Amino acid sequence: MTKEILPTTPKSNKRKVYMGAFFMILTMMIFGMGNAFIKEVGEENHVMQIVFFRCSWVLICILGFLFTTKNMHLIRTTQLKLQILRGFIGFFSMYAMFYSFDALPLTDSTVLVFASPLFITALSYPLLKEKVGLKRWIAVFVGFFGVFIMAHPSGKVTLLGVGAGLTSAFLEAIIGNMARMLSKKDHPVTTVLYHTFIIWLLSIFFVPFCWQPIQVENHIFLFILGALAAVGQVFLVKAYSLAPVSVVAPLLYTLIIWTSIIGYFRWSERLGKEMLLGAPFVIGAGIYIVYQASKKKKATSQ
């Protein structure tokens, strides 16, 4: 699952706020279903094949949308080198994320990926020269304490799977900060397009070496995965455009609820004690960081 930094509307009436919250919850349900399809297909096919087909269908959906809405001018970027670098990092992030979905219980891998806001905060100073206050640094350390608890290997949680999940979270943080740099000149759709295209292009070089026959039903799953990813991105933009970030961003964590439900009914997965102990630290720290950031932004605007 890749998350973009998108503009928000500072003032929204109650109906818009409720609709924004609804779209965010719906988006997380869609992403949860997409993650389940990744895990399902990953049981029979190589992760690189999933990366390739997922990006292929997303590209078709985005380009089709731009063509039908006569917005093909959004293909142009003024920051090509940065877009390419972001896509290159995104390639390794997506591979690591998909690998963790395959190697770990679905909810476990999802919680680990949610360590990304902690890395984003920690990297915002060296990358963007943004000041990180003491309270947010404390939240970062609390969150990483939760990650340390969750990373303890057990019967279901492998060190390699945990390492892949945390690697993806770290790289997603770099991608998130780079998206903020790009947003100063490029439209969010442009950034999503280049991000997906670069990952797709890189996957072409690797997929022939790990190709495995794909069953017809898995082709259907891969198409659904790409469609869900494209629709999810649209709904994500909609959620952030309707309601303040302080309202919708914490709802990202409802993804854990959806993956828990899907994981339980599809693979009979239950959360281990390490995840149950560590997840509240990670989730709580992430929500607190969003809250502090929104307070700071509101104070600055006033």
C-alpha atoms as a PDB file:
ATOM      1  CA  MET A   1       0.000   0.000   0.000  1.00  0.00           C
ATOM      2  CA  THR A   2       1.890   3.805  -1.300  1.00  0.00           C
ATOM      3  CA  LYS A   3       0.363   6.924   0.683  1.00  0.00           C
ATOM      4  CA  GLU A   4       0.578  10.550  -1.094  1.00  0.00           C
ATOM      5  CA  ILE A   5       0.824  13.907   0.736  1.00  0.00           C
ATOM      6  CA  LEU A   6      -2.203  15.835  -0.511  1.00  0.00           C
ATOM      7  CA  PRO A   7      -3.580  19.350  -0.008  1.00  0.00           C
ATOM      8  CA  THR A   8      -6.374  19.830   2.525  1.00  0.00           C
ATOM      9  CA  THR A   9      -9.215  22.307   2.865  1.00  0.00           C
ATOM     10  CA  PRO A  10      -8.862  24.372   6.052  1.00  0.00           C
ATOM     11  CA  LYS A  11     -12.599  25.054   6.453  1.00  0.00           C
ATOM     12  CA  SER A  12     -15.286  22.442   5.971  1.00  0.00           C
ATOM     13  CA  ASN A  13     -18.886  22.307   7.110  1.00  0.00           C
ATOM     14  CA  LYS A  14     -20.107  19.343   9.125  1.00  0.00           C
ATOM     15  CA  ARG A  15     -21.453  17.488   6.120  1.00  0.00           C
ATOM     16  CA  LYS A  16     -18.154  17.783   4.268  1.00  0.00           C
ATOM     17  CA  VAL A  17     -16.248  16.618   7.337  1.00  0.00           C
ATOM     18  CA  TYR A  18     -18.501  13.574   7.695  1.00  0.00           C
ATOM     19  CA  MET A  19     -18.164  12.815   3.981  1.00  0.00           C
ATOM     20  CA  GLY A  20     -14.379  13.176   4.221  1.00  0.00           C
ATOM     21  CA  ALA A  21     -14.316  10.727   7.117  1.00  0.00           C
ATOM     22  CA  PHE A  22     -16.579   8.348   5.177  1.00  0.00           C
ATOM     23  CA  PHE A  23     -14.318   8.428   2.107  1.00  0.00           C
ATOM     24  CA  MET A  24     -11.220   7.792   4.247  1.00  0.00           C
ATOM     25  CA  ILE A  25     -12.812   4.764   5.938  1.00  0.00           C
ATOM     26  CA  LEU A  26     -13.992   3.512   2.535  1.00  0.00           C
ATOM     27  CA  THR A  27     -10.481   4.044   1.136  1.00  0.00           C
ATOM     28  CA  MET A  28      -8.951   1.993   3.939  1.00  0.00           C
ATOM     29  CA  MET A  29     -11.450  -0.809   3.285  1.00  0.00           C
ATOM     30  CA  ILE A  30     -10.452  -0.767  -0.395  1.00  0.00           C
ATOM     31  CA  PHE A  31      -6.735  -0.802   0.466  1.00  0.00           C
ATOM     32  CA  GLY A  32      -7.348  -3.635   2.937  1.00  0.00           C
ATOM     33  CA  MET A  33      -8.988  -5.671   0.176  1.00  0.00           C
ATOM     34  CA  GLY A  34      -6.084  -4.828  -2.130  1.00  0.00           C
ATOM     35  CA  ASN A  35      -3.556  -6.023   0.450  1.00  0.00           C
ATOM     36  CA  ALA A  36      -5.503  -9.266   0.784  1.00  0.00           C
ATOM     37  CA  PHE A  37      -5.321  -9.816  -2.988  1.00  0.00           C
ATOM     38  CA  ILE A  38      -1.546  -9.220  -2.829  1.00  0.00           C
ATOM     39  CA  LYS A  39      -1.229 -11.904  -0.160  1.00  0.00           C
ATOM     40  CA  GLU A  40      -3.552 -14.261  -2.045  1.00  0.00           C
ATOM     41  CA  VAL A  41      -1.687 -13.996  -5.358  1.00  0.00           C
ATOM     42  CA  GLY A  42       1.685 -14.018  -3.569  1.00  0.00           C
ATOM     43  CA  GLU A  43       1.054 -17.577  -2.404  1.00  0.00           C
ATOM     44  CA  GLU A  44       1.486 -18.809  -6.001  1.00  0.00           C
ATOM     45  CA  ASN A  45       3.385 -16.048  -7.815  1.00  0.00           C
ATOM     46  CA  HIS A  46       6.563 -14.042  -7.317  1.00  0.00           C
ATOM     47  CA  VAL A  47       6.274 -10.639  -5.641  1.00  0.00           C
ATOM     48  CA  MET A  48       7.860  -8.939  -8.678  1.00  0.00           C
ATOM     49  CA  GLN A  49       5.023 -10.178 -10.884  1.00  0.00           C
ATOM     50  CA  ILE A  50       2.520  -8.588  -8.516  1.00  0.00           C
ATOM     51  CA  VAL A  51       4.444  -5.289  -8.605  1.00  0.00           C
ATOM     52  CA  PHE A  52       4.472  -5.353 -12.419  1.00  0.00           C
ATOM     53  CA  PHE A  53       0.788  -6.142 -12.929  1.00  0.00           C
ATOM     54  CA  ARG A  54      -0.405  -3.874 -10.139  1.00  0.00           C
ATOM     55  CA  CYS A  55       1.443  -0.910 -11.668  1.00  0.00           C
ATOM     56  CA  SER A  56       0.312  -1.850 -15.192  1.00  0.00           C
ATOM     57  CA  TRP A  57      -3.363  -1.660 -14.288  1.00  0.00           C
ATOM     58  CA  VAL A  58      -2.924   1.501 -12.208  1.00  0.00           C
ATOM     59  CA  LEU A  59      -1.178   3.202 -15.145  1.00  0.00           C
ATOM     60  CA  ILE A  60      -3.991   2.209 -17.504  1.00  0.00           C
ATOM     61  CA  CYS A  61      -6.587   3.582 -15.062  1.00  0.00           C
ATOM     62  CA  ILE A  62      -4.740   6.881 -14.468  1.00  0.00           C
ATOM     63  CA  LEU A  63      -3.963   7.526 -18.141  1.00  0.00           C
ATOM     64  CA  GLY A  64      -7.534   6.602 -19.083  1.00  0.00           C
ATOM     65  CA  PHE A  65      -8.835   9.054 -16.494  1.00  0.00           C
ATOM     66  CA  LEU A  66      -6.545  11.857 -17.712  1.00  0.00           C
ATOM     67  CA  PHE A  67      -7.527  11.227 -21.333  1.00  0.00           C
ATOM     68  CA  THR A  68     -11.284  11.134 -20.739  1.00  0.00           C
ATOM     69  CA  THR A  69     -11.190  14.246 -18.515  1.00  0.00           C
ATOM     70  CA  LYS A  70      -8.901  16.091 -20.978  1.00  0.00           C
ATOM     71  CA  ASN A  71      -6.175  16.581 -18.384  1.00  0.00           C
ATOM     72  CA  MET A  72      -3.273  15.077 -20.332  1.00  0.00           C
ATOM     73  CA  HIS A  73      -1.230  18.208 -19.549  1.00  0.00           C
ATOM     74  CA  LEU A  74      -0.682  16.677 -16.094  1.00  0.00           C
ATOM     75  CA  ILE A  75       1.766  14.243 -17.706  1.00  0.00           C
ATOM     76  CA  ARG A  76       4.321  17.050 -17.775  1.00  0.00           C
ATOM     77  CA  THR A  77       6.564  17.583 -14.762  1.00  0.00           C
ATOM     78  CA  THR A  78       8.975  20.380 -13.893  1.00  0.00           C
ATOM     79  CA  GLN A  79      10.977  18.166 -11.509  1.00  0.00           C
ATOM     80  CA  LEU A  80      11.852  15.115 -13.584  1.00  0.00           C
ATOM     81  CA  LYS A  81      15.026  14.113 -11.691  1.00  0.00           C
ATOM     82  CA  LEU A  82      13.261  14.198  -8.328  1.00  0.00           C
ATOM     83  CA  GLN A  83      10.288  12.269  -9.731  1.00  0.00           C
ATOM     84  CA  ILE A  84      12.634   9.571 -11.083  1.00  0.00           C
ATOM     85  CA  LEU A  85      14.509   9.325  -7.776  1.00  0.00           C
ATOM     86  CA  ARG A  86      11.225   9.038  -5.873  1.00  0.00           C
ATOM     87  CA  GLY A  87      10.017   6.292  -8.209  1.00  0.00           C
ATOM     88  CA  PHE A  88      13.316   4.428  -7.821  1.00  0.00           C
ATOM     89  CA  ILE A  89      12.973   4.453  -4.027  1.00  0.00           C
ATOM     90  CA  GLY A  90       9.297   3.556  -4.399  1.00  0.00           C
ATOM     91  CA  PHE A  91      10.226   0.431  -6.357  1.00  0.00           C
ATOM     92  CA  PHE A  92      12.176  -1.020  -3.432  1.00  0.00           C
ATOM     93  CA  SER A  93       9.539   0.150  -0.961  1.00  0.00           C
ATOM     94  CA  MET A  94       6.712  -1.553  -2.845  1.00  0.00           C
ATOM     95  CA  TYR A  95       8.700  -4.766  -3.244  1.00  0.00           C
ATOM     96  CA  ALA A  96       9.496  -4.843   0.492  1.00  0.00           C
ATOM     97  CA  MET A  97       5.885  -4.065   1.392  1.00  0.00           C
ATOM     98  CA  PHE A  98       4.444  -6.792  -0.833  1.00  0.00           C
ATOM     99  CA  TYR A  99       7.026  -9.254   0.470  1.00  0.00           C
ATOM    100  CA  SER A 100       5.978  -8.508   4.060  1.00  0.00           C
ATOM    101  CA  PHE A 101       2.315  -9.087   3.113  1.00  0.00           C
ATOM    102  CA  ASP A 102       3.307 -12.512   1.805  1.00  0.00           C
ATOM    103  CA  ALA A 103       5.675 -13.421   4.670  1.00  0.00           C
ATOM    104  CA  LEU A 104       3.620 -12.202   7.646  1.00  0.00           C
ATOM    105  CA  PRO A 105       0.018 -12.357   8.826  1.00  0.00           C
ATOM    106  CA  LEU A 106      -1.866  -9.579   7.023  1.00  0.00           C
ATOM    107  CA  THR A 107      -2.544  -7.421  10.090  1.00  0.00           C
ATOM    108  CA  ASP A 108       1.021  -7.782  11.401  1.00  0.00           C
ATOM    109  CA  SER A 109       2.516  -6.482   8.156  1.00  0.00           C
ATOM    110  CA  THR A 110      -0.025  -3.634   8.039  1.00  0.00           C
ATOM    111  CA  VAL A 111       0.874  -2.461  11.551  1.00  0.00           C
ATOM    112  CA  LEU A 112       4.593  -2.499  10.694  1.00  0.00           C
ATOM    113  CA  VAL A 113       3.994  -0.382   7.585  1.00  0.00           C
ATOM    114  CA  PHE A 114       2.218   2.130   9.836  1.00  0.00           C
ATOM    115  CA  ALA A 115       5.585   2.875  11.433  1.00  0.00           C
ATOM    116  CA  SER A 116       6.050   5.150   8.401  1.00  0.00           C
ATOM    117  CA  PRO A 117       4.703   8.334  10.136  1.00  0.00           C
ATOM    118  CA  LEU A 118       7.370   7.848  12.802  1.00  0.00           C
ATOM    119  CA  PHE A 119      10.086   7.767  10.153  1.00  0.00           C
ATOM    120  CA  ILE A 120       8.494  10.726   8.314  1.00  0.00           C
ATOM    121  CA  THR A 121       8.697  12.832  11.471  1.00  0.00           C
ATOM    122  CA  ALA A 122      12.249  11.715  12.239  1.00  0.00           C
ATOM    123  CA  LEU A 123      13.396  12.477   8.670  1.00  0.00           C
ATOM    124  CA  SER A 124      11.531  15.778   8.243  1.00  0.00           C
ATOM    125  CA  TYR A 125      14.396  17.761   9.790  1.00  0.00           C
ATOM    126  CA  PRO A 126      17.337  16.324   7.795  1.00  0.00           C
ATOM    127  CA  LEU A 127      15.345  16.261   4.534  1.00  0.00           C
ATOM    128  CA  LEU A 128      13.112  19.343   4.804  1.00  0.00           C
ATOM    129  CA  LYS A 129      14.755  21.300   7.643  1.00  0.00           C
ATOM    130  CA  GLU A 130      11.439  21.285   9.508  1.00  0.00           C
ATOM    131  CA  LYS A 131      11.574  21.796  13.253  1.00  0.00           C
ATOM    132  CA  VAL A 132      10.402  18.781  15.255  1.00  0.00           C
ATOM    133  CA  GLY A 133       9.363  19.707  18.793  1.00  0.00           C
ATOM    134  CA  LEU A 134      10.149  17.754  21.943  1.00  0.00           C
ATOM    135  CA  LYS A 135       6.610  16.317  22.184  1.00  0.00           C
ATOM    136  CA  ARG A 136       6.782  14.857  18.701  1.00  0.00           C
ATOM    137  CA  TRP A 137      10.254  13.423  19.345  1.00  0.00           C
ATOM    138  CA  ILE A 138       8.878  11.717  22.455  1.00  0.00           C
ATOM    139  CA  ALA A 139       6.012  10.325  20.350  1.00  0.00           C
ATOM    140  CA  VAL A 140       8.544   9.019  17.810  1.00  0.00           C
ATOM    141  CA  PHE A 141      10.526   7.184  20.510  1.00  0.00           C
ATOM    142  CA  VAL A 142       7.313   5.775  22.033  1.00  0.00           C
ATOM    143  CA  GLY A 143       6.263   4.531  18.598  1.00  0.00           C
ATOM    144  CA  PHE A 144       9.629   2.912  17.952  1.00  0.00           C
ATOM    145  CA  PHE A 145       9.396   1.238  21.346  1.00  0.00           C
ATOM    146  CA  GLY A 146       6.186  -0.363  20.063  1.00  0.00           C
ATOM    147  CA  VAL A 147       7.996  -1.403  16.879  1.00  0.00           C
ATOM    148  CA  PHE A 148      10.730  -2.998  19.013  1.00  0.00           C
ATOM    149  CA  ILE A 149       8.096  -5.052  20.856  1.00  0.00           C
ATOM    150  CA  MET A 150       6.403  -6.122  17.606  1.00  0.00           C
ATOM    151  CA  ALA A 151       9.712  -7.061  15.976  1.00  0.00           C
ATOM    152  CA  HIS A 152      10.293  -9.832  18.528  1.00  0.00           C
ATOM    153  CA  PRO A 153      10.265 -13.043  16.461  1.00  0.00           C
ATOM    154  CA  SER A 154       7.580 -15.582  17.242  1.00  0.00           C
ATOM    155  CA  GLY A 155       6.070 -18.621  15.581  1.00  0.00           C
ATOM    156  CA  LYS A 156       4.172 -16.498  13.057  1.00  0.00           C
ATOM    157  CA  VAL A 157       6.431 -13.446  12.779  1.00  0.00           C
ATOM    158  CA  THR A 158       9.741 -13.975  10.955  1.00  0.00           C
ATOM    159  CA  LEU A 159      12.676 -11.581  11.220  1.00  0.00           C
ATOM    160  CA  LEU A 160      12.906 -11.340   7.419  1.00  0.00           C
ATOM    161  CA  GLY A 161       9.229 -10.422   7.150  1.00  0.00           C
ATOM    162  CA  VAL A 162       9.544  -7.854   9.935  1.00  0.00           C
ATOM    163  CA  GLY A 163      12.676  -6.439   8.301  1.00  0.00           C
ATOM    164  CA  ALA A 164      10.842  -6.084   4.987  1.00  0.00           C
ATOM    165  CA  GLY A 165       7.914  -4.310   6.670  1.00  0.00           C
ATOM    166  CA  LEU A 166      10.174  -1.852   8.499  1.00  0.00           C
ATOM    167  CA  THR A 167      12.285  -1.261   5.380  1.00  0.00           C
ATOM    168  CA  SER A 168       9.127  -0.402   3.484  1.00  0.00           C
ATOM    169  CA  ALA A 169       8.006   1.948   6.278  1.00  0.00           C
ATOM    170  CA  PHE A 170      11.382   3.719   6.238  1.00  0.00           C
ATOM    171  CA  LEU A 171      11.396   4.103   2.447  1.00  0.00           C
ATOM    172  CA  GLU A 172       7.746   5.235   2.494  1.00  0.00           C
ATOM    173  CA  ALA A 173       8.803   8.008   4.871  1.00  0.00           C
ATOM    174  CA  ILE A 174      11.418   9.209   2.384  1.00  0.00           C
ATOM    175  CA  ILE A 175       8.822   9.013  -0.402  1.00  0.00           C
ATOM    176  CA  GLY A 176       6.333  10.974   1.707  1.00  0.00           C
ATOM    177  CA  ASN A 177       8.810  13.775   2.376  1.00  0.00           C
ATOM    178  CA  MET A 178       9.776  13.856  -1.303  1.00  0.00           C
ATOM    179  CA  ALA A 179       6.086  14.157  -2.233  1.00  0.00           C
ATOM    180  CA  ARG A 180       5.935  17.297  -0.105  1.00  0.00           C
ATOM    181  CA  MET A 181       8.892  18.713  -2.040  1.00  0.00           C
ATOM    182  CA  LEU A 182       7.260  17.856  -5.364  1.00  0.00           C
ATOM    183  CA  SER A 183       3.864  19.294  -4.365  1.00  0.00           C
ATOM    184  CA  LYS A 184       5.301  22.821  -4.527  1.00  0.00           C
ATOM    185  CA  LYS A 185       5.374  22.666  -8.333  1.00  0.00           C
ATOM    186  CA  ASP A 186       3.712  19.446  -9.534  1.00  0.00           C
ATOM    187  CA  HIS A 187       0.083  18.312  -9.259  1.00  0.00           C
ATOM    188  CA  PRO A 188      -0.485  15.276  -6.970  1.00  0.00           C
ATOM    189  CA  VAL A 189      -1.807  13.248  -9.921  1.00  0.00           C
ATOM    190  CA  THR A 190       1.435  13.968 -11.798  1.00  0.00           C
ATOM    191  CA  THR A 191       3.444  12.648  -8.862  1.00  0.00           C
ATOM    192  CA  VAL A 192       1.307   9.496  -8.601  1.00  0.00           C
ATOM    193  CA  LEU A 193       1.647   8.925 -12.352  1.00  0.00           C
ATOM    194  CA  TYR A 194       5.442   9.220 -12.427  1.00  0.00           C
ATOM    195  CA  HIS A 195       5.798   7.203  -9.237  1.00  0.00           C
ATOM    196  CA  THR A 196       3.796   4.334 -10.726  1.00  0.00           C
ATOM    197  CA  PHE A 197       5.464   4.569 -14.149  1.00  0.00           C
ATOM    198  CA  ILE A 198       9.032   4.423 -12.773  1.00  0.00           C
ATOM    199  CA  ILE A 199       8.182   1.409 -10.589  1.00  0.00           C
ATOM    200  CA  TRP A 200       6.526  -0.311 -13.569  1.00  0.00           C
ATOM    201  CA  LEU A 201       9.553   0.439 -15.779  1.00  0.00           C
ATOM    202  CA  LEU A 202      12.009  -0.988 -13.240  1.00  0.00           C
ATOM    203  CA  SER A 203       9.885  -4.098 -12.704  1.00  0.00           C
ATOM    204  CA  ILE A 204      10.118  -4.899 -16.441  1.00  0.00           C
ATOM    205  CA  PHE A 205      13.860  -5.548 -16.061  1.00  0.00           C
ATOM    206  CA  PHE A 206      13.386  -8.032 -13.212  1.00  0.00           C
ATOM    207  CA  VAL A 207      10.110  -9.819 -13.917  1.00  0.00           C
ATOM    208  CA  PRO A 208      11.460 -12.065 -16.757  1.00  0.00           C
ATOM    209  CA  PHE A 209      13.947 -13.647 -14.327  1.00  0.00           C
ATOM    210  CA  CYS A 210      11.307 -14.640 -11.781  1.00  0.00           C
ATOM    211  CA  TRP A 211       8.342 -15.339 -14.046  1.00  0.00           C
ATOM    212  CA  GLN A 212       5.953 -18.038 -12.936  1.00  0.00           C
ATOM    213  CA  PRO A 213       2.818 -19.266 -14.750  1.00  0.00           C
ATOM    214  CA  ILE A 214      -0.220 -17.286 -13.649  1.00  0.00           C
ATOM    215  CA  GLN A 215      -3.569 -18.990 -13.197  1.00  0.00           C
ATOM    216  CA  VAL A 216      -6.603 -17.370 -14.828  1.00  0.00           C
ATOM    217  CA  GLU A 217      -8.137 -16.546 -11.446  1.00  0.00           C
ATOM    218  CA  ASN A 218      -4.915 -14.813 -10.376  1.00  0.00           C
ATOM    219  CA  HIS A 219      -5.032 -12.654 -13.518  1.00  0.00           C
ATOM    220  CA  ILE A 220      -8.503 -11.595 -12.384  1.00  0.00           C
ATOM    221  CA  PHE A 221      -7.176 -10.895  -8.880  1.00  0.00           C
ATOM    222  CA  LEU A 222      -4.321  -8.785 -10.319  1.00  0.00           C
ATOM    223  CA  PHE A 223      -6.779  -6.757 -12.395  1.00  0.00           C
ATOM    224  CA  ILE A 224      -8.965  -6.193  -9.328  1.00  0.00           C
ATOM    225  CA  LEU A 225      -5.851  -5.227  -7.346  1.00  0.00           C
ATOM    226  CA  GLY A 226      -4.916  -2.549  -9.886  1.00  0.00           C
ATOM    227  CA  ALA A 227      -8.487  -1.249 -10.068  1.00  0.00           C
ATOM    228  CA  LEU A 228      -8.731  -1.083  -6.270  1.00  0.00           C
ATOM    229  CA  ALA A 229      -5.422   0.798  -6.068  1.00  0.00           C
ATOM    230  CA  ALA A 230      -6.578   3.364  -8.642  1.00  0.00           C
ATOM    231  CA  VAL A 231     -10.017   3.845  -7.047  1.00  0.00           C
ATOM    232  CA  GLY A 232      -8.417   4.031  -3.612  1.00  0.00           C
ATOM    233  CA  GLN A 233      -6.121   6.856  -4.724  1.00  0.00           C
ATOM    234  CA  VAL A 234      -9.099   8.828  -6.078  1.00  0.00           C
ATOM    235  CA  PHE A 235     -11.066   8.343  -2.843  1.00  0.00           C
ATOM    236  CA  LEU A 236      -7.982   9.301  -0.820  1.00  0.00           C
ATOM    237  CA  VAL A 237      -7.759  12.610  -2.689  1.00  0.00           C
ATOM    238  CA  LYS A 238     -11.497  13.107  -2.117  1.00  0.00           C
ATOM    239  CA  ALA A 239     -11.200  12.467   1.626  1.00  0.00           C
ATOM    240  CA  TYR A 240      -8.382  14.987   2.072  1.00  0.00           C
ATOM    241  CA  SER A 241     -10.219  17.572  -0.050  1.00  0.00           C
ATOM    242  CA  LEU A 242     -13.412  17.386   2.034  1.00  0.00           C
ATOM    243  CA  ALA A 243     -12.129  17.361   5.620  1.00  0.00           C
ATOM    244  CA  PRO A 244      -9.142  18.673   7.611  1.00  0.00           C
ATOM    245  CA  VAL A 245      -6.138  16.375   7.869  1.00  0.00           C
ATOM    246  CA  SER A 246      -6.563  16.250  11.666  1.00  0.00           C
ATOM    247  CA  VAL A 247      -9.913  14.498  11.110  1.00  0.00           C
ATOM    248  CA  VAL A 248      -9.150  12.080   8.293  1.00  0.00           C
ATOM    249  CA  ALA A 249      -5.484  11.155   8.875  1.00  0.00           C
ATOM    250  CA  PRO A 250      -6.111   9.201  12.120  1.00  0.00           C
ATOM    251  CA  LEU A 251      -8.720   7.172  10.213  1.00  0.00           C
ATOM    252  CA  LEU A 252      -5.845   5.664   8.219  1.00  0.00           C
ATOM    253  CA  TYR A 253      -5.525   3.260  11.128  1.00  0.00           C
ATOM    254  CA  THR A 254      -8.960   1.774  10.413  1.00  0.00           C
ATOM    255  CA  LEU A 255      -7.034  -0.218   7.808  1.00  0.00           C
ATOM    256  CA  ILE A 256      -5.882  -2.421  10.695  1.00  0.00           C
ATOM    257  CA  ILE A 257      -9.520  -3.253  11.488  1.00  0.00           C
ATOM    258  CA  TRP A 258     -10.252  -4.249   7.885  1.00  0.00           C
ATOM    259  CA  THR A 259      -7.098  -6.365   7.548  1.00  0.00           C
ATOM    260  CA  SER A 260      -7.838  -8.044  10.895  1.00  0.00           C
ATOM    261  CA  ILE A 261     -11.324  -9.018   9.695  1.00  0.00           C
ATOM    262  CA  ILE A 262     -10.090 -10.230   6.298  1.00  0.00           C
ATOM    263  CA  GLY A 263      -7.098 -12.062   7.796  1.00  0.00           C
ATOM    264  CA  TYR A 264      -9.284 -13.840  10.336  1.00  0.00           C
ATOM    265  CA  PHE A 265     -11.942 -15.043   7.895  1.00  0.00           C
ATOM    266  CA  ARG A 266      -9.609 -15.863   4.967  1.00  0.00           C
ATOM    267  CA  TRP A 267      -6.505 -17.257   6.689  1.00  0.00           C
ATOM    268  CA  SER A 268      -7.725 -17.808  10.281  1.00  0.00           C
ATOM    269  CA  GLU A 269      -5.104 -15.303  11.457  1.00  0.00           C
ATOM    270  CA  ARG A 270      -5.005 -14.092  15.035  1.00  0.00           C
ATOM    271  CA  LEU A 271      -2.822 -11.327  16.406  1.00  0.00           C
ATOM    272  CA  GLY A 272       0.159 -12.533  18.432  1.00  0.00           C
ATOM    273  CA  LYS A 273       0.868 -11.137  21.879  1.00  0.00           C
ATOM    274  CA  GLU A 274       3.805  -9.082  20.537  1.00  0.00           C
ATOM    275  CA  MET A 275       1.523  -7.317  18.047  1.00  0.00           C
ATOM    276  CA  LEU A 276      -1.198  -6.755  20.651  1.00  0.00           C
ATOM    277  CA  LEU A 277       1.351  -5.199  23.024  1.00  0.00           C
ATOM    278  CA  GLY A 278       3.264  -3.133  20.473  1.00  0.00           C
ATOM    279  CA  ALA A 279       0.500  -1.944  18.129  1.00  0.00           C
ATOM    280  CA  PRO A 280      -1.097   0.532  20.613  1.00  0.00           C
ATOM    281  CA  PHE A 281       2.266   2.319  20.979  1.00  0.00           C
ATOM    282  CA  VAL A 282       2.694   2.649  17.207  1.00  0.00           C
ATOM    283  CA  ILE A 283      -0.922   3.662  16.530  1.00  0.00           C
ATOM    284  CA  GLY A 284      -1.095   6.056  19.487  1.00  0.00           C
ATOM    285  CA  ALA A 285       2.193   7.714  18.543  1.00  0.00           C
ATOM    286  CA  GLY A 286       1.096   8.066  14.914  1.00  0.00           C
ATOM    287  CA  ILE A 287      -2.228   9.688  15.825  1.00  0.00           C
ATOM    288  CA  TYR A 288      -0.508  12.030  18.298  1.00  0.00           C
ATOM    289  CA  ILE A 289       2.022  13.123  15.661  1.00  0.00           C
ATOM    290  CA  VAL A 290      -0.826  13.934  13.243  1.00  0.00           C
ATOM    291  CA  TYR A 291      -2.619  15.857  16.011  1.00  0.00           C
ATOM    292  CA  GLN A 292       0.483  17.910  16.878  1.00  0.00           C
ATOM    293  CA  ALA A 293       1.202  18.632  13.211  1.00  0.00           C
ATOM    294  CA  SER A 294      -2.379  19.826  12.601  1.00  0.00           C
ATOM    295  CA  LYS A 295      -2.220  22.072  15.689  1.00  0.00           C
ATOM    296  CA  LYS A 296       1.017  23.613  14.455  1.00  0.00           C
ATOM    297  CA  LYS A 297      -0.416  24.166  10.973  1.00  0.00           C
ATOM    298  CA  LYS A 298      -3.564  25.786  12.393  1.00  0.00           C
ATOM    299  CA  ALA A 299      -1.528  28.101  14.635  1.00  0.00           C
ATOM    300  CA  THR A 300       0.686  29.112  11.694  1.00  0.00           C
ATOM    301  CA  SER A 301      -2.319  29.902   9.472  1.00  0.00           C
ATOM    302  CA  GLN A 302      -3.748  32.173  12.164  1.00  0.00           C
END
